[in-house]
Amino acid sequence: MRALNQRVVLERLRGQGEATRPQIAAATGLSKPTVGQALLDLEQHGLVRTTGHSLAGPGRAAVVYRAAPDAGHVVGVDIGRRAIRIAVADLEGSIVARLDEPNRCRSASALVRTVSESVERAVTSAGLTPGDVVSTVVGTPGVPDPATGTVHRAPNLPGWERRGLLHELVAALATAGSDVVVENDANLCAVGEHALGAALGVDVLVCLTVGTGIGMGLLVEGRLFRGAHGAAGEIADLPFGPVPPSEAGTRRPGPMETAAAGQAVVEAARSSGLPARSAKDVFRLARSGDSRALRVVAEEAEKLAYVVAAVTAVLDPRLIVLGGGIGGNADLLVPPMRRALAATVPVVPEIVAGQLGEDAVLAGAIATALGTARELVFDRRGLRRAAGGA
């Protein structure tokens, strides 16, 4: 019961900000002596601190308490084909260190080593030690399978599908008492946009990420939906047109990724006579009014509408958030997508650009890590043990 009271008081401070003992008692329904004891326990273990006194109202000034943001820290990692992004945050979600670097790794082992060393540098630059990190969440393309230690369906990262690779990554990032989770990057993109971006407060949403690859994160009733095997949203495998006999059984990349991801946009542009080196070039030309680039963009929008129509028929989302290097061009993609969808599905969901840009996966990783860290910090600070022995 004592530990439960501590949790109630701490959650009040985390959720609604600093408060006095009478304010906490009024908000939680606990008695003032119970709140006082909980605050004393929390303060002794470094989870709560005083910030001053309140002069409001008659009588003696009341002490003001707040949750201690530095009682623990979390790390978010975004492993992309072209870049590795890392952020260190306190328990309030404030970023205390950030590191971005290009991904030049040509093997899975080199990438694991680079990620581990980069995380260590980021933690050190924040003035922390590895023991200060309570939870680390890593975003990666593909489907993490903890049972086999494999990341399935990650063809854009060399060697990343090797059996046992996932275990190596977790072991390289784990520190004493810390928790490490590896999650699909599109899933974390959806979590990030739901926590801090375009999907704030939306109960059923889809985050469609299109760049080097293509993926989808799904949230139902505000909770991440992974499916029975963690593969929900792996839309790269959606069929798209007839599969030539020579390609039957090949799965790297999947049909939808081949048709709609970055390389497909470049190839379509070149077929139209455009000297495009990247999808970014194609969208730049489209914004300048180039008719050939505009046709390529319209064709890309129709392919993405095909994906959205399929998921809309099953999930009926309230919102579609477009992310990734290609998905970020919502101003050009959304109008033709809506036209294509209006001819396909009875109710066209709202389609918007993601607000977090290239930081969406990292934001989702930090948000996920915070949910874990706020639970684990009790154990790490010895609160439950102390309460149980009282």
Protein backbone atom coordinates (compact mmCIF):
# COMPACT_ATOMS: atom_id res chain seq x y z
CA MET A 1 0.00 0.00 0.00
CA ARG A 2 2.85 2.35 0.77
CA ALA A 3 4.40 1.77 -2.64
CA LEU A 4 0.99 2.30 -4.26
CA ASN A 5 0.62 5.65 -2.51
CA GLN A 6 4.07 6.66 -3.68
CA ARG A 7 3.13 5.83 -7.25
CA VAL A 8 -0.15 7.78 -7.05
CA VAL A 9 1.63 10.86 -5.74
CA LEU A 10 4.44 10.62 -8.31
CA GLU A 11 2.00 10.18 -11.19
CA ARG A 12 0.12 13.27 -10.04
CA LEU A 13 3.33 15.30 -10.15
CA ARG A 14 4.38 13.87 -13.50
CA GLY A 15 1.00 14.31 -15.11
CA GLN A 16 -0.01 17.74 -13.83
CA GLY A 17 3.20 19.41 -12.74
CA GLU A 18 4.47 20.74 -9.44
CA ALA A 19 2.10 20.97 -6.48
CA THR A 20 1.87 21.36 -2.72
CA ARG A 21 0.91 18.59 -0.31
CA PRO A 22 -2.68 19.91 0.11
CA GLN A 23 -3.07 20.14 -3.68
CA ILE A 24 -1.85 16.58 -4.15
CA ALA A 25 -4.18 15.34 -1.40
CA ALA A 26 -7.16 17.08 -3.03
CA ALA A 27 -6.30 15.69 -6.47
CA THR A 28 -5.65 12.08 -5.37
CA GLY A 29 -8.10 11.64 -2.51
CA LEU A 30 -5.28 10.57 -0.18
CA SER A 31 -5.02 12.06 3.28
CA LYS A 32 -2.45 14.79 3.91
CA PRO A 33 -0.39 12.56 6.27
CA THR A 34 -0.34 9.80 3.64
CA VAL A 35 0.75 12.26 0.97
CA GLY A 36 3.39 13.65 3.32
CA GLN A 37 4.87 10.20 3.95
CA ALA A 38 4.86 9.36 0.25
CA LEU A 39 6.61 12.63 -0.58
CA LEU A 40 9.21 11.98 2.10
CA ASP A 41 9.92 8.50 0.70
CA LEU A 42 10.07 9.79 -2.88
CA GLU A 43 12.35 12.67 -1.94
CA GLN A 44 14.74 10.39 -0.04
CA HIS A 45 15.09 8.21 -3.14
CA GLY A 46 15.66 11.11 -5.50
CA LEU A 47 12.37 10.87 -7.39
CA VAL A 48 10.87 14.09 -6.03
CA ARG A 49 12.40 17.42 -5.04
CA THR A 50 11.21 20.69 -3.57
CA THR A 51 11.17 23.82 -5.71
CA GLY A 52 10.18 26.48 -3.18
CA HIS A 53 7.10 27.59 -1.28
CA SER A 54 3.61 28.62 -2.26
CA LEU A 55 2.35 31.88 -0.77
CA ALA A 56 -1.22 31.46 -1.97
CA GLY A 57 -3.91 31.41 0.71
CA PRO A 58 -3.80 32.20 4.43
CA GLY A 59 -1.46 30.60 6.94
CA ARG A 60 1.98 29.16 6.54
CA ALA A 61 3.53 28.90 3.07
CA ALA A 62 3.28 25.37 1.67
CA VAL A 63 6.26 23.51 0.23
CA VAL A 64 6.04 22.94 -3.54
CA TYR A 65 7.15 19.56 -4.95
CA ARG A 66 7.94 18.36 -8.46
CA ALA A 67 9.01 15.04 -9.99
CA ALA A 68 12.79 14.93 -10.41
CA PRO A 69 13.48 14.77 -14.15
CA ASP A 70 17.07 13.56 -13.63
CA ALA A 71 16.11 10.51 -11.57
CA GLY A 72 16.78 8.49 -14.70
CA HIS A 73 17.47 8.90 -18.39
CA VAL A 74 16.44 7.21 -21.61
CA VAL A 75 18.03 6.75 -25.01
CA GLY A 76 16.27 6.70 -28.37
CA VAL A 77 17.99 5.37 -31.50
CA ASP A 78 16.85 5.58 -35.12
CA ILE A 79 18.79 3.29 -37.47
CA GLY A 80 18.20 4.27 -41.07
CA ARG A 81 19.81 3.28 -44.33
CA ARG A 82 21.43 6.68 -44.71
CA ALA A 83 21.66 8.02 -41.15
CA ILE A 84 21.84 7.05 -37.49
CA ARG A 85 20.12 9.40 -35.04
CA ILE A 86 20.45 9.22 -31.26
CA ALA A 87 18.88 11.26 -28.47
CA VAL A 88 19.27 11.13 -24.69
CA ALA A 89 16.36 12.47 -22.62
CA ASP A 90 15.46 12.91 -18.96
CA LEU A 91 12.25 11.56 -17.40
CA GLU A 92 10.30 14.61 -18.54
CA GLY A 93 11.28 13.90 -22.14
CA SER A 94 13.62 16.87 -22.43
CA ILE A 95 16.50 16.13 -24.79
CA VAL A 96 19.84 16.52 -23.01
CA ALA A 97 22.08 15.24 -25.83
CA ARG A 98 21.68 14.61 -29.56
CA LEU A 99 23.91 12.90 -32.11
CA ASP A 100 23.31 12.49 -35.85
CA GLU A 101 25.74 10.82 -38.20
CA PRO A 102 25.70 9.20 -41.65
CA ASN A 103 25.37 5.44 -41.87
CA ARG A 104 28.36 4.29 -43.92
CA CYS A 105 28.41 0.75 -42.53
CA ARG A 106 28.71 -2.06 -45.05
CA SER A 107 28.05 -4.94 -42.68
CA ALA A 108 25.72 -5.73 -39.80
CA SER A 109 28.61 -6.16 -37.37
CA ALA A 110 29.98 -2.74 -38.26
CA LEU A 111 26.53 -1.19 -37.80
CA VAL A 112 26.07 -2.76 -34.37
CA ARG A 113 29.49 -1.48 -33.33
CA THR A 114 28.81 2.00 -34.72
CA VAL A 115 25.44 2.27 -32.99
CA SER A 116 26.90 1.12 -29.67
CA GLU A 117 29.82 3.55 -29.85
CA SER A 118 27.54 6.41 -30.90
CA VAL A 119 25.18 5.80 -28.01
CA GLU A 120 28.13 5.78 -25.61
CA ARG A 121 29.32 9.13 -27.02
CA ALA A 122 25.85 10.65 -26.73
CA VAL A 123 25.49 9.51 -23.11
CA THR A 124 28.94 10.87 -22.25
CA SER A 125 28.21 14.21 -23.94
CA ALA A 126 25.15 14.53 -21.69
CA GLY A 127 27.43 14.26 -18.66
CA LEU A 128 26.01 10.84 -17.78
CA THR A 129 27.36 7.34 -17.26
CA PRO A 130 25.87 4.17 -18.79
CA GLY A 131 24.39 3.36 -15.38
CA ASP A 132 22.21 6.48 -15.57
CA VAL A 133 20.32 5.05 -18.56
CA VAL A 134 17.15 3.25 -17.50
CA SER A 135 15.69 2.36 -20.89
CA THR A 136 16.87 2.32 -24.52
CA VAL A 137 14.53 1.94 -27.51
CA VAL A 138 15.90 1.34 -31.00
CA GLY A 139 13.96 1.90 -34.22
CA THR A 140 14.95 -0.23 -37.21
CA PRO A 141 13.48 -1.23 -40.55
CA GLY A 142 11.99 -4.73 -40.55
CA VAL A 143 10.28 -7.01 -38.05
CA PRO A 144 12.30 -7.72 -34.88
CA ASP A 145 11.92 -11.34 -33.76
CA PRO A 146 13.32 -11.70 -30.21
CA ALA A 147 12.80 -15.48 -30.21
CA THR A 148 15.33 -16.07 -32.99
CA GLY A 149 17.32 -12.87 -32.59
CA THR A 150 16.51 -11.97 -36.19
CA VAL A 151 15.25 -8.81 -37.87
CA HIS A 152 13.07 -10.04 -40.73
CA ARG A 153 12.32 -8.01 -43.87
CA ALA A 154 15.13 -5.46 -43.65
CA PRO A 155 16.76 -5.75 -47.10
CA ASN A 156 18.02 -2.18 -47.18
CA LEU A 157 20.51 -2.73 -44.33
CA PRO A 158 23.33 -5.10 -45.42
CA GLY A 159 23.42 -8.27 -43.32
CA TRP A 160 20.75 -6.98 -40.96
CA GLU A 161 18.61 -10.12 -41.39
CA ARG A 162 21.35 -12.38 -40.08
CA ARG A 163 20.15 -14.78 -37.39
CA GLY A 164 21.26 -13.70 -33.93
CA LEU A 165 21.91 -10.11 -35.01
CA LEU A 166 19.14 -8.75 -32.79
CA HIS A 167 20.66 -10.39 -29.71
CA GLU A 168 24.05 -8.86 -30.55
CA LEU A 169 22.50 -5.40 -30.85
CA VAL A 170 20.66 -5.68 -27.53
CA ALA A 171 23.77 -7.01 -25.77
CA ALA A 172 25.88 -4.15 -27.15
CA LEU A 173 23.45 -1.54 -25.83
CA ALA A 174 22.51 -3.08 -22.49
CA THR A 175 23.98 -1.66 -19.30
CA ALA A 176 23.58 -2.84 -15.73
CA GLY A 177 19.90 -2.73 -14.83
CA SER A 178 18.83 -1.12 -18.11
CA ASP A 179 16.09 -2.23 -20.50
CA VAL A 180 16.66 -2.43 -24.28
CA VAL A 181 13.84 -2.80 -26.81
CA VAL A 182 14.14 -2.94 -30.61
CA GLU A 183 11.02 -1.82 -32.49
CA ASN A 184 10.00 -1.36 -36.11
CA ASP A 185 10.71 2.20 -37.25
CA ALA A 186 7.29 2.80 -38.85
CA ASN A 187 5.66 1.76 -35.58
CA LEU A 188 7.78 4.29 -33.70
CA CYS A 189 6.95 6.94 -36.29
CA ALA A 190 3.26 6.40 -35.49
CA VAL A 191 3.95 6.56 -31.75
CA GLY A 192 5.94 9.76 -32.18
CA GLU A 193 3.29 11.53 -34.25
CA HIS A 194 0.63 10.39 -31.77
CA ALA A 195 2.60 11.65 -28.77
CA LEU A 196 3.94 14.93 -30.12
CA GLY A 197 2.90 15.51 -33.72
CA ALA A 198 0.10 15.47 -36.26
CA ALA A 199 -1.86 12.63 -34.62
CA LEU A 200 -2.02 14.02 -31.09
CA GLY A 201 -5.13 12.60 -29.41
CA VAL A 202 -6.26 10.55 -32.45
CA ASP A 203 -7.60 7.12 -31.44
CA VAL A 204 -7.24 5.17 -34.72
CA LEU A 205 -4.45 6.21 -37.07
CA VAL A 206 -2.07 4.98 -39.73
CA CYS A 207 1.43 6.35 -40.27
CA LEU A 208 2.56 5.61 -43.83
CA THR A 209 6.32 6.06 -44.23
CA VAL A 210 7.79 6.18 -47.73
CA GLY A 211 11.46 6.68 -48.47
CA THR A 212 14.22 4.20 -49.25
CA GLY A 213 11.65 1.59 -48.21
CA ILE A 214 7.96 1.65 -47.40
CA GLY A 215 6.25 0.81 -44.12
CA MET A 216 3.24 1.46 -41.97
CA GLY A 217 2.61 1.90 -38.26
CA LEU A 218 -0.88 1.33 -36.84
CA LEU A 219 -2.40 2.65 -33.63
CA VAL A 220 -5.80 1.40 -32.48
CA GLU A 221 -7.43 3.10 -29.50
CA GLY A 222 -4.15 4.95 -29.03
CA ARG A 223 -2.14 1.73 -28.66
CA LEU A 224 0.40 0.30 -31.08
CA PHE A 225 -0.99 -2.64 -33.05
CA ARG A 226 1.73 -5.12 -34.01
CA GLY A 227 -0.36 -8.13 -35.04
CA ALA A 228 0.15 -11.76 -34.01
CA HIS A 229 3.77 -11.95 -35.17
CA GLY A 230 4.85 -8.32 -35.00
CA ALA A 231 4.44 -7.92 -38.78
CA ALA A 232 1.36 -5.70 -38.92
CA GLY A 233 2.00 -2.84 -41.31
CA GLU A 234 4.61 -4.64 -43.44
CA ILE A 235 2.99 -3.23 -46.57
CA ALA A 236 6.13 -3.75 -48.65
CA ASP A 237 4.75 -7.27 -49.12
CA LEU A 238 1.39 -6.14 -50.51
CA PRO A 239 0.84 -7.50 -54.03
CA PHE A 240 0.96 -4.85 -56.74
CA GLY A 241 0.27 -6.01 -60.27
CA PRO A 242 1.21 -9.40 -61.73
CA VAL A 243 4.45 -10.99 -60.55
CA PRO A 244 6.68 -12.26 -63.39
CA PRO A 245 7.52 -15.98 -63.10
CA SER A 246 11.21 -15.09 -62.82
CA GLU A 247 10.46 -13.11 -59.64
CA ALA A 248 8.09 -15.59 -58.02
CA GLY A 249 9.28 -16.47 -54.54
CA THR A 250 11.72 -13.55 -54.31
CA ARG A 251 10.94 -11.23 -51.45
CA ARG A 252 13.64 -8.58 -51.33
CA PRO A 253 12.24 -6.02 -51.63
CA GLY A 254 8.51 -6.77 -51.64
CA PRO A 255 6.16 -5.93 -54.54
CA MET A 256 4.77 -2.71 -53.05
CA GLU A 257 8.19 -1.42 -52.08
CA THR A 258 9.46 -2.14 -55.59
CA ALA A 259 6.52 -0.22 -57.04
CA ALA A 260 6.35 2.82 -54.73
CA ALA A 261 9.54 3.42 -52.72
CA GLY A 262 12.29 5.89 -53.58
CA GLN A 263 14.03 3.95 -56.34
CA ALA A 264 10.73 3.42 -58.16
CA VAL A 265 10.13 7.18 -58.25
CA VAL A 266 13.62 7.75 -59.69
CA GLU A 267 13.18 5.06 -62.34
CA ALA A 268 9.77 6.44 -63.35
CA ALA A 269 11.29 9.91 -63.71
CA ARG A 270 14.15 8.64 -65.85
CA SER A 271 11.70 6.75 -68.05
CA SER A 272 9.99 10.11 -68.64
CA GLY A 273 13.27 11.70 -69.69
CA LEU A 274 14.02 13.50 -66.43
CA PRO A 275 17.67 13.55 -65.26
CA ALA A 276 16.74 12.74 -61.66
CA ARG A 277 19.33 11.30 -59.30
CA SER A 278 16.94 10.99 -56.35
CA ALA A 279 13.27 11.19 -55.46
CA LYS A 280 14.03 14.57 -53.91
CA ASP A 281 15.01 15.83 -57.37
CA VAL A 282 11.70 14.63 -58.80
CA PHE A 283 9.61 16.46 -56.21
CA ARG A 284 11.74 19.59 -56.62
CA LEU A 285 11.04 19.56 -60.36
CA ALA A 286 7.36 18.96 -59.73
CA ARG A 287 7.20 22.04 -57.50
CA SER A 288 8.80 24.06 -60.25
CA GLY A 289 5.93 23.06 -62.55
CA ASP A 290 7.67 20.42 -64.69
CA SER A 291 4.83 18.49 -66.33
CA ARG A 292 6.78 15.20 -66.52
CA ALA A 293 7.67 15.36 -62.83
CA LEU A 294 4.07 16.17 -61.96
CA ARG A 295 2.92 13.04 -63.84
CA VAL A 296 5.44 10.91 -61.91
CA VAL A 297 4.22 12.38 -58.63
CA ALA A 298 0.58 11.73 -59.59
CA GLU A 299 1.42 8.11 -60.39
CA GLU A 300 3.19 7.75 -57.02
CA ALA A 301 0.14 9.22 -55.29
CA GLU A 302 -2.12 6.66 -56.98
CA LYS A 303 0.11 3.83 -55.76
CA LEU A 304 0.01 5.16 -52.21
CA ALA A 305 -3.76 5.56 -52.49
CA TYR A 306 -3.92 1.85 -53.34
CA VAL A 307 -2.18 1.10 -50.03
CA VAL A 308 -4.41 3.48 -48.08
CA ALA A 309 -7.55 2.01 -49.68
CA ALA A 310 -6.54 -1.48 -48.59
CA VAL A 311 -5.92 -0.53 -44.98
CA THR A 312 -8.98 1.74 -44.86
CA ALA A 313 -11.23 -1.13 -45.90
CA VAL A 314 -9.98 -3.16 -42.92
CA LEU A 315 -9.13 -0.63 -40.22
CA ASP A 316 -11.22 2.48 -41.02
CA PRO A 317 -8.62 4.89 -39.58
CA ARG A 318 -9.53 8.43 -38.61
CA LEU A 319 -6.21 9.80 -39.85
CA ILE A 320 -3.44 8.92 -42.30
CA VAL A 321 -0.08 10.54 -41.50
CA LEU A 322 2.48 10.64 -44.31
CA GLY A 323 6.12 10.40 -43.29
CA GLY A 324 9.54 9.58 -44.70
CA GLY A 325 11.54 11.33 -47.39
CA ILE A 326 8.81 10.86 -50.01
CA GLY A 327 5.81 10.92 -47.68
CA GLY A 328 6.95 14.31 -46.42
CA ASN A 329 5.82 15.81 -49.75
CA ALA A 330 2.19 15.75 -48.68
CA ASP A 331 1.40 19.05 -50.41
CA LEU A 332 1.94 17.35 -53.78
CA LEU A 333 0.75 13.85 -52.89
CA VAL A 334 -2.43 14.39 -50.91
CA PRO A 335 -4.71 15.98 -53.58
CA PRO A 336 -4.27 13.17 -56.14
CA MET A 337 -4.42 10.58 -53.34
CA ARG A 338 -7.79 11.94 -52.22
CA ARG A 339 -9.13 11.88 -55.78
CA ALA A 340 -8.03 8.28 -56.24
CA LEU A 341 -9.48 7.25 -52.88
CA ALA A 342 -12.82 8.95 -53.52
CA ALA A 343 -13.32 6.53 -56.42
CA THR A 344 -12.36 3.52 -54.31
CA VAL A 345 -13.58 3.71 -50.70
CA PRO A 346 -16.88 5.00 -49.24
CA VAL A 347 -15.20 7.15 -46.57
CA VAL A 348 -11.92 8.90 -47.33
CA PRO A 349 -9.85 9.36 -44.17
CA GLU A 350 -8.11 12.63 -43.48
CA ILE A 351 -4.56 12.61 -44.88
CA VAL A 352 -1.93 14.95 -43.44
CA ALA A 353 1.80 15.45 -43.42
CA GLY A 354 3.68 14.33 -40.36
CA GLN A 355 4.80 17.22 -38.19
CA LEU A 356 7.99 15.67 -36.83
CA GLY A 357 9.81 15.08 -40.11
CA GLU A 358 12.99 13.03 -39.83
CA ASP A 359 12.70 13.08 -36.02
CA ALA A 360 9.44 11.09 -35.90
CA VAL A 361 11.08 7.70 -35.25
CA LEU A 362 13.36 9.20 -32.61
CA ALA A 363 10.39 10.89 -30.90
CA GLY A 364 8.53 7.58 -30.83
CA ALA A 365 11.59 5.81 -29.41
CA ILE A 366 11.91 8.37 -26.60
CA ALA A 367 8.16 8.24 -25.84
CA THR A 368 8.26 4.43 -25.67
CA ALA A 369 11.40 4.41 -23.53
CA LEU A 370 9.86 6.90 -21.09
CA GLY A 371 6.86 4.64 -20.56
CA THR A 372 9.21 1.85 -19.51
CA ALA A 373 11.68 4.00 -17.58
CA ARG A 374 9.05 5.56 -15.34
CA GLU A 375 8.11 2.07 -14.21
CA LEU A 376 11.66 0.77 -13.81
CA VAL A 377 12.95 3.77 -11.91
CA PHE A 378 11.17 2.56 -8.78
CA ASP A 379 13.15 -0.65 -8.82
CA ARG A 380 16.41 1.06 -9.65
CA ARG A 381 15.98 3.51 -6.78
CA GLY A 382 15.03 0.73 -4.37
CA LEU A 383 11.63 2.23 -3.54
CA ARG A 384 9.59 -0.94 -3.74
CA ARG A 385 12.08 -2.82 -1.63
CA ALA A 386 12.06 -0.08 0.99
CA ALA A 387 8.26 0.07 1.00
CA GLY A 388 7.97 -3.69 1.22
CA GLY A 389 10.27 -3.80 4.20
CA ALA A 390 8.44 -1.04 6.03
